[in-house]
Amino acid sequence: MYSQENVDKPVFVLVHGTFQWGGQWNLLKADLVSKGYEVYNPTLTGLGEKNHLLSKETGISTHINDIVNFIEWHNLDNIILVAHSYGGPVISGVVDRIGNKIKHQVYIDCAPADHGENTLDVFGPDVARIALESAKENGDGWLITADALREPIPTMSKHPLKSYLERVDIVNDIKTEGTIILATEAMSIFGYMRTTSAPKKAKARHWEIITIEGPHTLQEQDPTMSKVSKILVDIYKSI
């Protein structure tokens, strides 16, 4: 248990991306924890150590519920909610549900979803084509294979297509501070999100965009992880 003096201090909740699991954040989490910060990195249903729960019905609403329930059951508040990739549309739904607990949203190489959008709308036609082809040709029509969007590593697993197709309901006008951190590599896949979706969403919300030269997985290796960590620490200190 954390002492009473820590109750009002911000905490980090990190939400992973497609194919991945909570351990995707281990390097960044270790860095933040070593500096004295409180960090949580849950795994979404059907992925990582929860891959035995995967089904055709696993959608983005499932993953939104995962994070909402995690936050509520752990009684977390004053949250800096951080997402990578597919986690972006997920935390958009989370903020709509429990926005009173969120102090700052951070999107790492991703963008928020507006009402009625799905993950394919946020990431654009190239990701849509790759994901749909992967599911049709290699995923029995409902799974995106781990090699579809990046070079797979052992901790990556098949991802449910429904979570890309299901649309996000944003019914509450929740406004929080936010930051979008964009990478620069693999523009053939992530170019639409970086040049169209993210700038549009940031402008509408009056959020800052920060670009870090590096791969889509900025938080998974140095030197880019340290740059992401510094941004998060600066956000923490601003709250």
Protein backbone atom coordinates (compact mmCIF):
# COMPACT_ATOMS: atom_id res chain seq x y z
CA MET A 1 0.00 0.00 0.00
CA TYR A 2 1.09 3.56 -0.70
CA SER A 3 1.18 6.01 2.19
CA GLN A 4 -1.47 8.66 2.61
CA GLU A 5 0.97 11.36 1.53
CA ASN A 6 1.08 9.79 -1.93
CA VAL A 7 -2.69 9.71 -2.42
CA ASP A 8 -2.93 12.98 -4.36
CA LYS A 9 0.21 12.51 -6.43
CA PRO A 10 -0.29 11.72 -10.12
CA VAL A 11 0.20 8.14 -11.27
CA PHE A 12 1.01 6.76 -14.71
CA VAL A 13 -1.22 4.17 -16.39
CA LEU A 14 0.32 2.82 -19.59
CA VAL A 15 -1.85 1.16 -22.27
CA HIS A 16 -0.11 -0.98 -24.87
CA GLY A 17 -0.73 -1.34 -28.59
CA THR A 18 -1.67 -3.97 -31.15
CA PHE A 19 -0.23 -7.50 -30.68
CA GLN A 20 1.50 -6.44 -27.46
CA TRP A 21 1.04 -6.78 -23.70
CA GLY A 22 1.73 -4.78 -20.56
CA GLY A 23 5.37 -5.82 -20.66
CA GLN A 24 5.83 -3.66 -23.75
CA TRP A 25 6.37 -0.85 -21.24
CA ASN A 26 8.93 -2.59 -19.03
CA LEU A 27 11.90 -0.43 -20.03
CA LEU A 28 10.02 2.84 -19.64
CA LYS A 29 8.30 1.67 -16.47
CA ALA A 30 11.61 0.70 -14.87
CA ASP A 31 13.03 4.10 -15.73
CA LEU A 32 10.08 5.96 -14.21
CA VAL A 33 9.93 3.74 -11.12
CA SER A 34 13.65 4.26 -10.52
CA LYS A 35 12.89 7.98 -10.34
CA GLY A 36 10.19 7.45 -7.73
CA TYR A 37 7.03 7.47 -9.85
CA GLU A 38 4.04 5.16 -9.49
CA VAL A 39 3.40 3.25 -12.73
CA TYR A 40 0.84 0.66 -13.85
CA ASN A 41 0.91 -1.28 -17.13
CA PRO A 42 -2.10 -3.62 -17.48
CA THR A 43 -2.52 -6.12 -20.30
CA LEU A 44 -5.62 -6.03 -22.50
CA THR A 45 -7.94 -9.04 -22.85
CA GLY A 46 -6.81 -11.61 -25.41
CA LEU A 47 -3.20 -10.47 -25.53
CA GLY A 48 0.02 -11.37 -23.73
CA GLU A 49 -0.61 -13.43 -20.60
CA LYS A 50 -4.34 -13.02 -21.26
CA ASN A 51 -4.26 -14.60 -24.74
CA HIS A 52 -6.33 -17.53 -23.46
CA LEU A 53 -9.26 -15.08 -23.22
CA LEU A 54 -9.14 -14.16 -26.91
CA SER A 55 -12.36 -14.63 -28.90
CA LYS A 56 -14.16 -13.29 -31.94
CA GLU A 57 -16.11 -11.02 -29.59
CA THR A 58 -13.03 -9.27 -28.21
CA GLY A 59 -13.47 -5.68 -29.35
CA ILE A 60 -12.35 -2.21 -28.41
CA SER A 61 -15.24 -1.97 -25.93
CA THR A 62 -13.70 -4.99 -24.17
CA HIS A 63 -10.38 -3.19 -23.93
CA ILE A 64 -11.95 0.06 -22.78
CA ASN A 65 -13.66 -1.91 -20.01
CA ASP A 66 -10.32 -3.53 -19.14
CA ILE A 67 -8.72 -0.17 -18.40
CA VAL A 68 -11.76 1.40 -16.74
CA ASN A 69 -12.08 -1.59 -14.41
CA PHE A 70 -8.34 -1.67 -13.72
CA ILE A 71 -8.39 1.97 -12.68
CA GLU A 72 -11.52 1.63 -10.58
CA TRP A 73 -10.50 -1.61 -8.82
CA HIS A 74 -7.08 -0.18 -8.03
CA ASN A 75 -8.76 3.02 -6.82
CA LEU A 76 -6.48 5.19 -8.95
CA ASP A 77 -6.90 8.93 -9.40
CA ASN A 78 -4.94 11.90 -10.77
CA ILE A 79 -3.89 9.74 -13.70
CA ILE A 80 -1.51 10.50 -16.53
CA LEU A 81 -3.01 8.08 -19.06
CA VAL A 82 -0.47 7.03 -21.68
CA ALA A 83 -1.22 5.04 -24.83
CA HIS A 84 0.85 3.56 -27.61
CA SER A 85 -0.53 2.87 -31.10
CA TYR A 86 -3.88 1.00 -30.88
CA GLY A 87 -4.02 2.06 -27.23
CA GLY A 88 -4.90 5.57 -28.45
CA PRO A 89 -8.50 4.85 -29.44
CA VAL A 90 -8.78 2.70 -26.31
CA ILE A 91 -7.91 5.50 -23.90
CA SER A 92 -10.24 7.86 -25.77
CA GLY A 93 -13.07 5.60 -24.66
CA VAL A 94 -11.65 5.36 -21.16
CA VAL A 95 -11.54 9.14 -20.75
CA ASP A 96 -15.17 9.36 -21.86
CA ARG A 97 -16.12 6.95 -19.08
CA ILE A 98 -13.97 8.15 -16.17
CA GLY A 99 -12.60 11.49 -17.30
CA ASN A 100 -12.80 12.89 -13.76
CA LYS A 101 -9.86 10.64 -12.86
CA ILE A 102 -7.65 11.69 -15.78
CA LYS A 103 -5.26 14.65 -15.49
CA HIS A 104 -3.42 14.32 -18.79
CA GLN A 105 -3.66 12.11 -21.87
CA VAL A 106 -0.50 11.12 -23.76
CA TYR A 107 -0.61 9.47 -27.18
CA ILE A 108 2.65 7.83 -28.31
CA ASP A 109 2.64 7.54 -32.10
CA CYS A 110 -1.13 7.45 -32.17
CA ALA A 111 -4.13 9.76 -31.97
CA PRO A 112 -7.45 9.91 -30.14
CA ALA A 113 -10.68 8.63 -31.60
CA ASP A 114 -13.71 10.87 -31.93
CA HIS A 115 -17.31 9.66 -31.54
CA GLY A 116 -18.20 7.02 -34.10
CA GLU A 117 -14.64 6.42 -35.26
CA ASN A 118 -12.80 3.13 -35.15
CA THR A 119 -9.11 2.30 -35.13
CA LEU A 120 -8.97 2.10 -38.92
CA ASP A 121 -10.37 5.64 -39.19
CA VAL A 122 -7.63 6.92 -36.88
CA PHE A 123 -4.74 5.13 -38.60
CA GLY A 124 -5.96 5.43 -42.17
CA PRO A 125 -6.21 3.42 -45.39
CA ASP A 126 -2.78 1.76 -45.37
CA VAL A 127 -3.27 0.22 -41.93
CA ALA A 128 -6.83 -0.73 -42.91
CA ARG A 129 -5.66 -2.55 -46.02
CA ILE A 130 -2.88 -4.42 -44.20
CA ALA A 131 -5.07 -5.41 -41.24
CA LEU A 132 -8.00 -6.60 -43.36
CA GLU A 133 -5.76 -8.57 -45.72
CA SER A 134 -3.95 -10.19 -42.80
CA ALA A 135 -7.19 -11.31 -41.18
CA LYS A 136 -8.60 -12.62 -44.45
CA GLU A 137 -5.50 -14.48 -45.63
CA ASN A 138 -3.89 -15.69 -42.40
CA GLY A 139 -6.23 -15.04 -39.48
CA ASP A 140 -9.39 -17.05 -40.23
CA GLY A 141 -11.16 -13.80 -40.99
CA TRP A 142 -11.03 -12.42 -37.44
CA LEU A 143 -7.39 -12.21 -36.34
CA ILE A 144 -4.63 -9.82 -37.42
CA THR A 145 -1.35 -11.73 -37.44
CA ALA A 146 1.59 -10.38 -35.45
CA ASP A 147 3.75 -9.86 -38.54
CA ALA A 148 1.22 -7.66 -40.31
CA LEU A 149 2.38 -4.22 -39.21
CA ARG A 150 5.90 -4.71 -37.83
CA GLU A 151 8.64 -7.29 -37.37
CA PRO A 152 7.22 -9.62 -34.71
CA ILE A 153 8.95 -10.42 -31.43
CA PRO A 154 8.16 -13.35 -29.07
CA THR A 155 5.86 -11.32 -26.81
CA MET A 156 3.57 -10.37 -29.68
CA SER A 157 0.42 -12.37 -30.45
CA LYS A 158 -2.48 -12.29 -32.87
CA HIS A 159 -4.84 -9.35 -32.39
CA PRO A 160 -8.65 -9.41 -32.73
CA LEU A 161 -9.87 -7.66 -35.88
CA LYS A 162 -13.11 -6.66 -34.14
CA SER A 163 -11.14 -4.21 -31.99
CA TYR A 164 -10.14 -2.38 -35.19
CA LEU A 165 -13.67 -2.38 -36.63
CA GLU A 166 -15.81 -1.61 -33.59
CA ARG A 167 -16.59 2.08 -33.27
CA VAL A 168 -15.95 4.12 -30.16
CA ASP A 169 -18.84 5.87 -28.41
CA ILE A 170 -17.83 9.28 -27.06
CA VAL A 171 -20.91 10.64 -25.33
CA ASN A 172 -19.48 12.99 -22.72
CA ASP A 173 -17.73 16.26 -23.42
CA ILE A 174 -14.64 15.52 -21.32
CA LYS A 175 -11.74 17.91 -21.78
CA THR A 176 -8.30 17.23 -20.31
CA GLU A 177 -4.78 18.32 -21.07
CA GLY A 178 -3.09 16.20 -23.69
CA THR A 179 0.11 15.59 -25.60
CA ILE A 180 0.76 13.66 -28.81
CA ILE A 181 4.26 12.25 -29.36
CA LEU A 182 4.95 11.18 -32.94
CA ALA A 183 7.70 8.98 -34.37
CA THR A 184 9.21 9.31 -37.85
CA GLU A 185 9.95 5.81 -39.19
CA ALA A 186 7.64 3.51 -41.21
CA MET A 187 5.77 6.41 -42.82
CA SER A 188 4.31 4.01 -45.39
CA ILE A 189 2.23 2.53 -42.57
CA PHE A 190 1.80 5.37 -40.09
CA GLY A 191 1.98 8.38 -42.42
CA TYR A 192 -1.76 9.08 -42.48
CA MET A 193 -2.01 9.10 -38.70
CA ARG A 194 1.05 11.35 -38.34
CA THR A 195 0.25 13.85 -41.09
CA THR A 196 -3.56 13.91 -41.05
CA SER A 197 -5.27 12.33 -38.07
CA ALA A 198 -2.96 13.41 -35.23
CA PRO A 199 -2.55 17.06 -36.34
CA LYS A 200 -6.31 17.40 -36.83
CA LYS A 201 -7.09 15.96 -33.40
CA ALA A 202 -4.37 17.98 -31.68
CA LYS A 203 -5.57 21.24 -33.23
CA ALA A 204 -9.17 20.61 -32.20
CA ARG A 205 -8.09 19.94 -28.61
CA HIS A 206 -5.37 22.62 -28.40
CA TRP A 207 -2.79 19.94 -27.59
CA GLU A 208 0.93 19.96 -28.23
CA ILE A 209 2.54 17.63 -30.77
CA ILE A 210 6.13 16.55 -30.12
CA THR A 211 8.08 14.63 -32.76
CA ILE A 212 10.90 12.25 -31.85
CA GLU A 213 13.02 10.80 -34.64
CA GLY A 214 12.80 7.05 -34.32
CA PRO A 215 10.63 3.94 -34.74
CA HIS A 216 6.96 3.44 -34.00
CA THR A 217 7.95 1.78 -30.71
CA LEU A 218 9.65 4.84 -29.23
CA GLN A 219 9.30 3.58 -25.67
CA GLU A 220 10.87 0.16 -26.25
CA GLN A 221 14.51 1.14 -26.73
CA ASP A 222 17.00 3.91 -26.13
CA PRO A 223 17.77 6.62 -26.95
CA THR A 224 14.11 7.28 -27.76
CA MET A 225 12.77 5.76 -24.51
CA SER A 226 14.71 8.30 -22.45
CA LYS A 227 13.23 11.12 -24.51
CA VAL A 228 9.72 9.80 -23.92
CA SER A 229 10.46 9.42 -20.21
CA LYS A 230 11.62 13.02 -19.96
CA ILE A 231 8.42 14.25 -21.60
CA LEU A 232 6.33 12.22 -19.15
CA VAL A 233 8.28 13.51 -16.17
CA ASP A 234 7.82 17.08 -17.40
CA ILE A 235 4.07 16.46 -17.68
CA TYR A 236 4.02 15.04 -14.14
CA LYS A 237 5.80 18.10 -12.79
CA SER A 238 3.33 20.41 -14.55
CA ILE A 239 0.31 18.92 -12.76
